[in-house]
C-alpha atoms as a PDB file:
ATOM      1  CA  MET A   1    -132.648  -0.070  19.107  1.00  0.00           C
ATOM      2  CA  ALA A   2    -131.324  -3.589  17.688  1.00  0.00           C
ATOM      3  CA  GLN A   3    -133.234  -6.098  16.228  1.00  0.00           C
ATOM      4  CA  THR A   4    -133.172  -9.878  17.160  1.00  0.00           C
ATOM      5  CA  ASN A   5    -131.455 -12.335  15.241  1.00  0.00           C
ATOM      6  CA  ILE A   6    -134.006 -14.939  16.565  1.00  0.00           C
ATOM      7  CA  PRO A   7    -136.383 -15.851  14.219  1.00  0.00           C
ATOM      8  CA  ILE A   8    -139.674 -14.239  14.146  1.00  0.00           C
ATOM      9  CA  SER A   9    -143.211 -16.625  12.937  1.00  0.00           C
ATOM     10  CA  VAL A  10    -145.948 -14.327  11.678  1.00  0.00           C
ATOM     11  CA  ALA A  11    -149.565 -14.760  10.934  1.00  0.00           C
ATOM     12  CA  ILE A  12    -151.567 -12.245   8.610  1.00  0.00           C
ATOM     13  CA  ALA A  13    -154.899 -11.708   8.155  1.00  0.00           C
ATOM     14  CA  ASP A  14    -156.617  -9.789   5.673  1.00  0.00           C
ATOM     15  CA  ASP A  15    -159.836 -10.062   3.395  1.00  0.00           C
ATOM     16  CA  HIS A  16    -157.980  -8.621   0.334  1.00  0.00           C
ATOM     17  CA  GLU A  17    -155.844 -11.515  -1.431  1.00  0.00           C
ATOM     18  CA  ILE A  18    -153.971  -8.571  -3.134  1.00  0.00           C
ATOM     19  CA  PHE A  19    -153.283  -6.887   0.314  1.00  0.00           C
ATOM     20  CA  ARG A  20    -152.303 -10.072   1.709  1.00  0.00           C
ATOM     21  CA  ASP A  21    -149.818 -11.199  -1.193  1.00  0.00           C
ATOM     22  CA  GLY A  22    -148.552  -7.398  -1.262  1.00  0.00           C
ATOM     23  CA  LEU A  23    -147.651  -7.988   2.475  1.00  0.00           C
ATOM     24  CA  ARG A  24    -146.241 -11.544   2.191  1.00  0.00           C
ATOM     25  CA  LEU A  25    -143.642 -10.752  -0.640  1.00  0.00           C
ATOM     26  CA  MET A  26    -142.977  -7.582   1.341  1.00  0.00           C
ATOM     27  CA  LEU A  27    -141.923  -9.910   3.761  1.00  0.00           C
ATOM     28  CA  ALA A  28    -140.535 -12.769   2.105  1.00  0.00           C
ATOM     29  CA  LYS A  29    -136.743 -11.492   1.894  1.00  0.00           C
ATOM     30  CA  SER A  30    -137.017  -9.838   5.226  1.00  0.00           C
ATOM     31  CA  GLU A  31    -134.569 -11.758   7.631  1.00  0.00           C
ATOM     32  CA  ASN A  32    -135.759 -13.698  10.255  1.00  0.00           C
ATOM     33  CA  ILE A  33    -139.575 -13.035   9.837  1.00  0.00           C
ATOM     34  CA  HIS A  34    -141.449 -16.262   8.174  1.00  0.00           C
ATOM     35  CA  ILE A  35    -144.819 -15.971   7.597  1.00  0.00           C
ATOM     36  CA  VAL A  36    -146.343 -19.541   8.620  1.00  0.00           C
ATOM     37  CA  GLY A  37    -149.989 -18.649   7.632  1.00  0.00           C
ATOM     38  CA  GLU A  38    -152.483 -16.308   6.369  1.00  0.00           C
ATOM     39  CA  ALA A  39    -156.539 -15.780   6.519  1.00  0.00           C
ATOM     40  CA  HIS A  40    -159.147 -14.102   4.763  1.00  0.00           C
ATOM     41  CA  ASN A  41    -161.310 -13.360   7.936  1.00  0.00           C
ATOM     42  CA  GLY A  42    -161.385 -13.229  11.968  1.00  0.00           C
ATOM     43  CA  LYS A  43    -162.740 -16.372  11.830  1.00  0.00           C
ATOM     44  CA  GLU A  44    -159.973 -18.491   9.720  1.00  0.00           C
ATOM     45  CA  LEU A  45    -157.171 -16.226  11.662  1.00  0.00           C
ATOM     46  CA  VAL A  46    -158.054 -17.555  15.106  1.00  0.00           C
ATOM     47  CA  GLY A  47    -158.234 -21.066  13.477  1.00  0.00           C
ATOM     48  CA  ILE A  48    -154.893 -21.303  12.494  1.00  0.00           C
ATOM     49  CA  ILE A  49    -153.631 -19.105  15.630  1.00  0.00           C
ATOM     50  CA  ASP A  50    -155.008 -22.259  17.584  1.00  0.00           C
ATOM     51  CA  GLN A  51    -152.920 -24.560  15.094  1.00  0.00           C
ATOM     52  CA  LEU A  52    -149.714 -22.613  14.124  1.00  0.00           C
ATOM     53  CA  LYS A  53    -149.202 -20.430  17.688  1.00  0.00           C
ATOM     54  CA  PRO A  54    -147.459 -17.475  15.759  1.00  0.00           C
ATOM     55  CA  ASP A  55    -145.160 -15.172  17.500  1.00  0.00           C
ATOM     56  CA  VAL A  56    -147.162 -11.727  15.863  1.00  0.00           C
ATOM     57  CA  VAL A  57    -150.284 -11.577  14.062  1.00  0.00           C
ATOM     58  CA  ILE A  58    -150.603  -8.784  11.673  1.00  0.00           C
ATOM     59  CA  THR A  59    -154.314  -8.160  11.245  1.00  0.00           C
ATOM     60  CA  ASP A  60    -156.904  -5.705   9.801  1.00  0.00           C
ATOM     61  CA  ILE A  61    -159.632  -4.601  11.429  1.00  0.00           C
ATOM     62  CA  LYS A  62    -162.673  -4.420   9.098  1.00  0.00           C
ATOM     63  CA  MET A  63    -163.127  -8.426   8.141  1.00  0.00           C
ATOM     64  CA  PRO A  64    -166.010 -10.497   7.646  1.00  0.00           C
ATOM     65  CA  MET A  65    -167.452 -13.218   9.739  1.00  0.00           C
ATOM     66  CA  MET A  66    -165.159 -11.607  12.741  1.00  0.00           C
ATOM     67  CA  ASP A  67    -163.292  -8.389  12.660  1.00  0.00           C
ATOM     68  CA  GLY A  68    -160.199  -7.905  14.147  1.00  0.00           C
ATOM     69  CA  VAL A  69    -160.691  -6.560  17.446  1.00  0.00           C
ATOM     70  CA  GLU A  70    -163.218  -9.699  18.346  1.00  0.00           C
ATOM     71  CA  ALA A  71    -160.241 -11.721  16.866  1.00  0.00           C
ATOM     72  CA  THR A  72    -158.028  -9.884  18.931  1.00  0.00           C
ATOM     73  CA  ARG A  73    -159.753 -10.502  22.036  1.00  0.00           C
ATOM     74  CA  TYR A  74    -159.760 -14.140  21.519  1.00  0.00           C
ATOM     75  CA  ILE A  75    -156.153 -14.693  20.782  1.00  0.00           C
ATOM     76  CA  LYS A  76    -154.953 -12.522  23.874  1.00  0.00           C
ATOM     77  CA  GLU A  77    -157.364 -14.219  26.275  1.00  0.00           C
ATOM     78  CA  LYS A  78    -156.070 -17.938  24.827  1.00  0.00           C
ATOM     79  CA  HIS A  79    -152.732 -17.333  23.669  1.00  0.00           C
ATOM     80  CA  PRO A  80    -151.567 -14.353  25.713  1.00  0.00           C
ATOM     81  CA  GLN A  81    -148.108 -14.841  24.546  1.00  0.00           C
ATOM     82  CA  ILE A  82    -149.104 -14.133  20.562  1.00  0.00           C
ATOM     83  CA  GLU A  83    -148.783 -10.166  20.074  1.00  0.00           C
ATOM     84  CA  VAL A  84    -150.855  -8.558  17.165  1.00  0.00           C
ATOM     85  CA  ILE A  85    -150.205  -5.582  15.355  1.00  0.00           C
ATOM     86  CA  ALA A  86    -153.615  -3.917  13.799  1.00  0.00           C
ATOM     87  CA  LEU A  87    -153.601  -2.753  10.228  1.00  0.00           C
ATOM     88  CA  SER A  88    -156.087   0.292   9.720  1.00  0.00           C
ATOM     89  CA  MET A  89    -157.030   2.914   7.292  1.00  0.00           C
ATOM     90  CA  PHE A  90    -156.748   6.487   8.311  1.00  0.00           C
ATOM     91  CA  ASP A  91    -160.119   7.306   9.038  1.00  0.00           C
ATOM     92  CA  ASP A  92    -160.362   4.367  11.362  1.00  0.00           C
ATOM     93  CA  GLU A  93    -158.890   6.040  14.694  1.00  0.00           C
ATOM     94  CA  GLU A  94    -161.882   4.868  17.041  1.00  0.00           C
ATOM     95  CA  LEU A  95    -161.185   0.884  15.629  1.00  0.00           C
ATOM     96  CA  ILE A  96    -157.415   1.069  16.235  1.00  0.00           C
ATOM     97  CA  LEU A  97    -158.407   2.572  19.788  1.00  0.00           C
ATOM     98  CA  GLU A  98    -160.825  -0.581  20.205  1.00  0.00           C
ATOM     99  CA  MET A  99    -157.785  -2.782  19.066  1.00  0.00           C
ATOM    100  CA  LEU A 100    -155.670  -1.534  21.745  1.00  0.00           C
ATOM    101  CA  GLU A 101    -158.073  -2.051  24.498  1.00  0.00           C
ATOM    102  CA  ALA A 102    -158.754  -5.645  23.161  1.00  0.00           C
ATOM    103  CA  GLY A 103    -155.092  -6.254  23.450  1.00  0.00           C
ATOM    104  CA  ALA A 104    -152.977  -5.131  20.092  1.00  0.00           C
ATOM    105  CA  ILE A 105    -149.620  -3.965  21.387  1.00  0.00           C
ATOM    106  CA  GLY A 106    -149.459  -1.577  18.249  1.00  0.00           C
ATOM    107  CA  TYR A 107    -150.820  -0.602  14.723  1.00  0.00           C
ATOM    108  CA  LEU A 108    -149.827  -0.081  11.162  1.00  0.00           C
ATOM    109  CA  LEU A 109    -151.752   2.006   8.384  1.00  0.00           C
ATOM    110  CA  LYS A 110    -152.165   0.367   5.477  1.00  0.00           C
ATOM    111  CA  ASN A 111    -149.822   2.735   3.225  1.00  0.00           C
ATOM    112  CA  ALA A 112    -147.003   1.895   5.646  1.00  0.00           C
ATOM    113  CA  ASP A 113    -143.380   0.818   4.184  1.00  0.00           C
ATOM    114  CA  LYS A 114    -141.776  -1.970   4.550  1.00  0.00           C
ATOM    115  CA  THR A 115    -138.733  -0.349   6.887  1.00  0.00           C
ATOM    116  CA  GLU A 116    -141.783   0.647   9.357  1.00  0.00           C
ATOM    117  CA  VAL A 117    -143.420  -3.150   9.006  1.00  0.00           C
ATOM    118  CA  ILE A 118    -140.405  -4.641   9.910  1.00  0.00           C
ATOM    119  CA  GLU A 119    -139.772  -2.609  12.914  1.00  0.00           C
ATOM    120  CA  ALA A 120    -143.417  -2.880  13.940  1.00  0.00           C
ATOM    121  CA  ILE A 121    -142.915  -6.668  14.177  1.00  0.00           C
ATOM    122  CA  HIS A 122    -139.288  -6.537  16.103  1.00  0.00           C
ATOM    123  CA  MET A 123    -140.730  -4.409  18.555  1.00  0.00           C
ATOM    124  CA  ALA A 124    -143.937  -6.526  19.092  1.00  0.00           C
ATOM    125  CA  PHE A 125    -142.131  -9.659  19.445  1.00  0.00           C
ATOM    126  CA  LYS A 126    -139.959  -7.640  22.289  1.00  0.00           C
ATOM    127  CA  ASN A 127    -143.325  -7.080  23.878  1.00  0.00           C
ATOM    128  CA  GLN A 128    -143.051  -3.672  23.137  1.00  0.00           C
ATOM    129  CA  PRO A 129    -145.615  -1.188  21.773  1.00  0.00           C
ATOM    130  CA  TYR A 130    -145.713   0.210  18.073  1.00  0.00           C
ATOM    131  CA  TYR A 131    -147.327   3.200  16.794  1.00  0.00           C
ATOM    132  CA  CYS A 132    -147.410   4.126  13.255  1.00  0.00           C
ATOM    133  CA  LYS A 133    -145.268   6.840  12.160  1.00  0.00           C
ATOM    134  CA  GLN A 134    -148.204   8.450  10.888  1.00  0.00           C
ATOM    135  CA  THR A 135    -150.707   8.743  13.616  1.00  0.00           C
ATOM    136  CA  SER A 136    -152.308  12.102  13.707  1.00  0.00           C
ATOM    137  CA  GLY A 137    -152.628  14.241  16.831  1.00  0.00           C
ATOM    138  CA  LYS A 138    -156.199  13.686  17.863  1.00  0.00           C
ATOM    139  CA  LEU A 139    -155.493   9.541  17.825  1.00  0.00           C
ATOM    140  CA  ALA A 140    -152.130  10.281  19.827  1.00  0.00           C
ATOM    141  CA  LYS A 141    -154.454  11.820  22.180  1.00  0.00           C
ATOM    142  CA  LEU A 142    -156.723   9.150  22.800  1.00  0.00           C
ATOM    143  CA  ILE A 143    -154.526   6.517  22.960  1.00  0.00           C
ATOM    144  CA  ALA A 144    -152.800   8.474  25.499  1.00  0.00           C
ATOM    145  CA  PHE A 145    -156.395   8.798  27.616  1.00  0.00           C
ATOM    146  CA  SER A 146    -157.374   5.819  27.372  1.00  0.00           C
ATOM    147  CA  ARG A 147    -157.532   2.530  29.392  1.00  0.00           C
ATOM    148  CA  HIS A 148    -154.861   0.684  26.758  1.00  0.00           C
ATOM    149  CA  ASN A 149    -152.166   0.553  29.392  1.00  0.00           C
ATOM    150  CA  ASN A 150    -150.611  -3.557  29.036  1.00  0.00           C
ATOM    151  CA  GLN A 151    -146.958  -2.601  29.096  1.00  0.00           C
ATOM    152  CA  LYS A 152    -144.442  -1.894  32.268  1.00  0.00           C
ATOM    153  CA  LYS A 153    -144.163   2.132  32.124  1.00  0.00           C
ATOM    154  CA  GLN A 154    -142.172   4.465  33.692  1.00  0.00           C
ATOM    155  CA  LYS A 155    -142.731   7.077  36.608  1.00  0.00           C
ATOM    156  CA  GLU A 156    -142.203  10.594  35.699  1.00  0.00           C
ATOM    157  CA  ALA A 157    -139.664  10.480  38.414  1.00  0.00           C
ATOM    158  CA  GLU A 158    -137.395   8.776  36.096  1.00  0.00           C
ATOM    159  CA  PHE A 159    -136.650  11.969  33.652  1.00  0.00           C
ATOM    160  CA  SER A 160    -134.501  14.480  34.468  1.00  0.00           C
ATOM    161  CA  GLU A 161    -136.039  17.927  34.383  1.00  0.00           C
ATOM    162  CA  ARG A 162    -133.709  18.284  31.396  1.00  0.00           C
ATOM    163  CA  GLU A 163    -134.995  15.379  29.961  1.00  0.00           C
ATOM    164  CA  LYS A 164    -139.125  16.586  30.301  1.00  0.00           C
ATOM    165  CA  ASP A 165    -138.248  20.002  28.924  1.00  0.00           C
ATOM    166  CA  ILE A 166    -136.740  18.146  25.540  1.00  0.00           C
ATOM    167  CA  ILE A 167    -139.954  15.843  25.552  1.00  0.00           C
ATOM    168  CA  ARG A 168    -142.291  18.602  25.570  1.00  0.00           C
ATOM    169  CA  LEU A 169    -140.670  20.223  22.827  1.00  0.00           C
ATOM    170  CA  ILE A 170    -140.524  17.179  21.147  1.00  0.00           C
ATOM    171  CA  CYS A 171    -143.914  17.058  21.706  1.00  0.00           C
ATOM    172  CA  GLN A 172    -144.628  20.499  20.242  1.00  0.00           C
ATOM    173  CA  GLU A 173    -143.274  19.366  16.982  1.00  0.00           C
ATOM    174  CA  TYR A 174    -139.835  21.293  17.254  1.00  0.00           C
ATOM    175  CA  THR A 175    -136.864  19.818  15.779  1.00  0.00           C
ATOM    176  CA  ASN A 176    -133.506  19.058  17.141  1.00  0.00           C
ATOM    177  CA  LYS A 177    -131.892  22.262  15.770  1.00  0.00           C
ATOM    178  CA  GLU A 178    -134.838  24.473  17.311  1.00  0.00           C
ATOM    179  CA  ILE A 179    -134.698  22.307  20.559  1.00  0.00           C
ATOM    180  CA  GLY A 180    -130.818  23.390  21.102  1.00  0.00           C
ATOM    181  CA  GLU A 181    -131.783  27.093  20.580  1.00  0.00           C
ATOM    182  CA  LYS A 182    -134.369  27.252  23.229  1.00  0.00           C
ATOM    183  CA  LEU A 183    -132.437  25.597  25.340  1.00  0.00           C
ATOM    184  CA  PHE A 184    -128.902  26.543  24.419  1.00  0.00           C
ATOM    185  CA  LEU A 185    -127.446  23.076  22.923  1.00  0.00           C
ATOM    186  CA  SER A 186    -126.317  21.710  19.810  1.00  0.00           C
ATOM    187  CA  ALA A 187    -128.485  19.953  17.664  1.00  0.00           C
ATOM    188  CA  ARG A 188    -125.801  16.605  18.466  1.00  0.00           C
ATOM    189  CA  THR A 189    -126.740  16.990  22.424  1.00  0.00           C
ATOM    190  CA  VAL A 190    -130.367  17.130  21.587  1.00  0.00           C
ATOM    191  CA  GLU A 191    -130.306  14.111  19.702  1.00  0.00           C
ATOM    192  CA  GLY A 192    -128.122  12.320  22.147  1.00  0.00           C
ATOM    193  CA  TYR A 193    -131.317  13.094  24.490  1.00  0.00           C
ATOM    194  CA  ARG A 194    -133.984  12.168  21.628  1.00  0.00           C
ATOM    195  CA  MET A 195    -132.332   8.831  21.545  1.00  0.00           C
ATOM    196  CA  LYS A 196    -132.002   7.998  25.474  1.00  0.00           C
ATOM    197  CA  ILE A 197    -135.824   9.430  25.300  1.00  0.00           C
ATOM    198  CA  LEU A 198    -136.858   6.929  23.059  1.00  0.00           C
ATOM    199  CA  GLU A 199    -134.691   4.296  25.044  1.00  0.00           C
ATOM    200  CA  LYS A 200    -136.235   5.040  28.249  1.00  0.00           C
ATOM    201  CA  MET A 201    -139.536   4.940  27.414  1.00  0.00           C
ATOM    202  CA  GLU A 202    -139.675   1.776  24.856  1.00  0.00           C
ATOM    203  CA  VAL A 203    -141.026   3.295  21.948  1.00  0.00           C
ATOM    204  CA  LYS A 204    -139.607   3.509  18.383  1.00  0.00           C
ATOM    205  CA  ASN A 205    -140.881   7.185  17.079  1.00  0.00           C
ATOM    206  CA  ILE A 206    -142.078  10.747  17.842  1.00  0.00           C
ATOM    207  CA  VAL A 207    -145.551   9.846  18.148  1.00  0.00           C
ATOM    208  CA  GLY A 208    -144.979   6.958  21.144  1.00  0.00           C
ATOM    209  CA  ILE A 209    -142.725   9.906  23.061  1.00  0.00           C
ATOM    210  CA  VAL A 210    -145.916  11.985  22.650  1.00  0.00           C
ATOM    211  CA  ILE A 211    -148.303   9.379  23.827  1.00  0.00           C
ATOM    212  CA  GLU A 212    -145.950   8.420  26.812  1.00  0.00           C
ATOM    213  CA  ALA A 213    -145.485  11.980  27.321  1.00  0.00           C
ATOM    214  CA  ILE A 214    -149.326  12.399  27.743  1.00  0.00           C
ATOM    215  CA  ARG A 215    -149.734   9.550  30.113  1.00  0.00           C
ATOM    216  CA  LEU A 216    -147.015  10.547  32.405  1.00  0.00           C
ATOM    217  CA  GLY A 217    -148.233  13.896  32.803  1.00  0.00           C
ATOM    218  CA  ILE A 218    -145.227  15.470  31.381  1.00  0.00           C
ATOM    219  CA  TYR A 219    -146.850  16.787  28.367  1.00  0.00           C
ATOM    220  CA  VAL A 220    -150.505  18.364  28.475  1.00  0.00           C
ATOM    221  CA  PRO A 221    -151.714  18.828  25.027  1.00  0.00           C
ATOM    222  CA  GLU A 222    -154.168  21.463  24.276  1.00  0.00           C
ATOM    223  CA  MET A 223    -157.756  19.536  24.114  1.00  0.00           C
END
């Protein structure tokens, strides 16, 4: 999916100054992404949001005075056009779910690389969900079965039987080569199907496919 050429204004919030500095420096040289404000807690964040009205907010979940969940609820109530991306640690699965249900459009683990952070910002700007590629299977299931459903979704009928077969195998972590061997297709043909599935689901990675497949009833994971 091509990234937009429209400048994207971003505000960041984290109570650790070193992390904010690192995130700002990471994005400083990125084309079309401009950091317009920073905050060290949720209360300060909502204050600068009211003034700056950025396109995208990247916020830590655990912050003093007002946490990321409460700040996200405020932002989505007062400024529904602003998209929020949550920052989390590996053990924050329940809090990530709370953030999504509060209105966040996606989330990143704090060790995400520059490419993934930039992808997440561009996806959020396009009002499309972004799920961190390091998401656990447990969290993917929690998200799929949660009340989080703030995006326009496709119906199962929009996918062909061949696509559904490939989706199920992707969810079971088979490679393109392995899927091809099972379905008597070339790995290149499977990759073409995979790209088409990503586009139809409006997601960026395998985690997004798994979450959408569960939600649509195409894939039923072992519980």
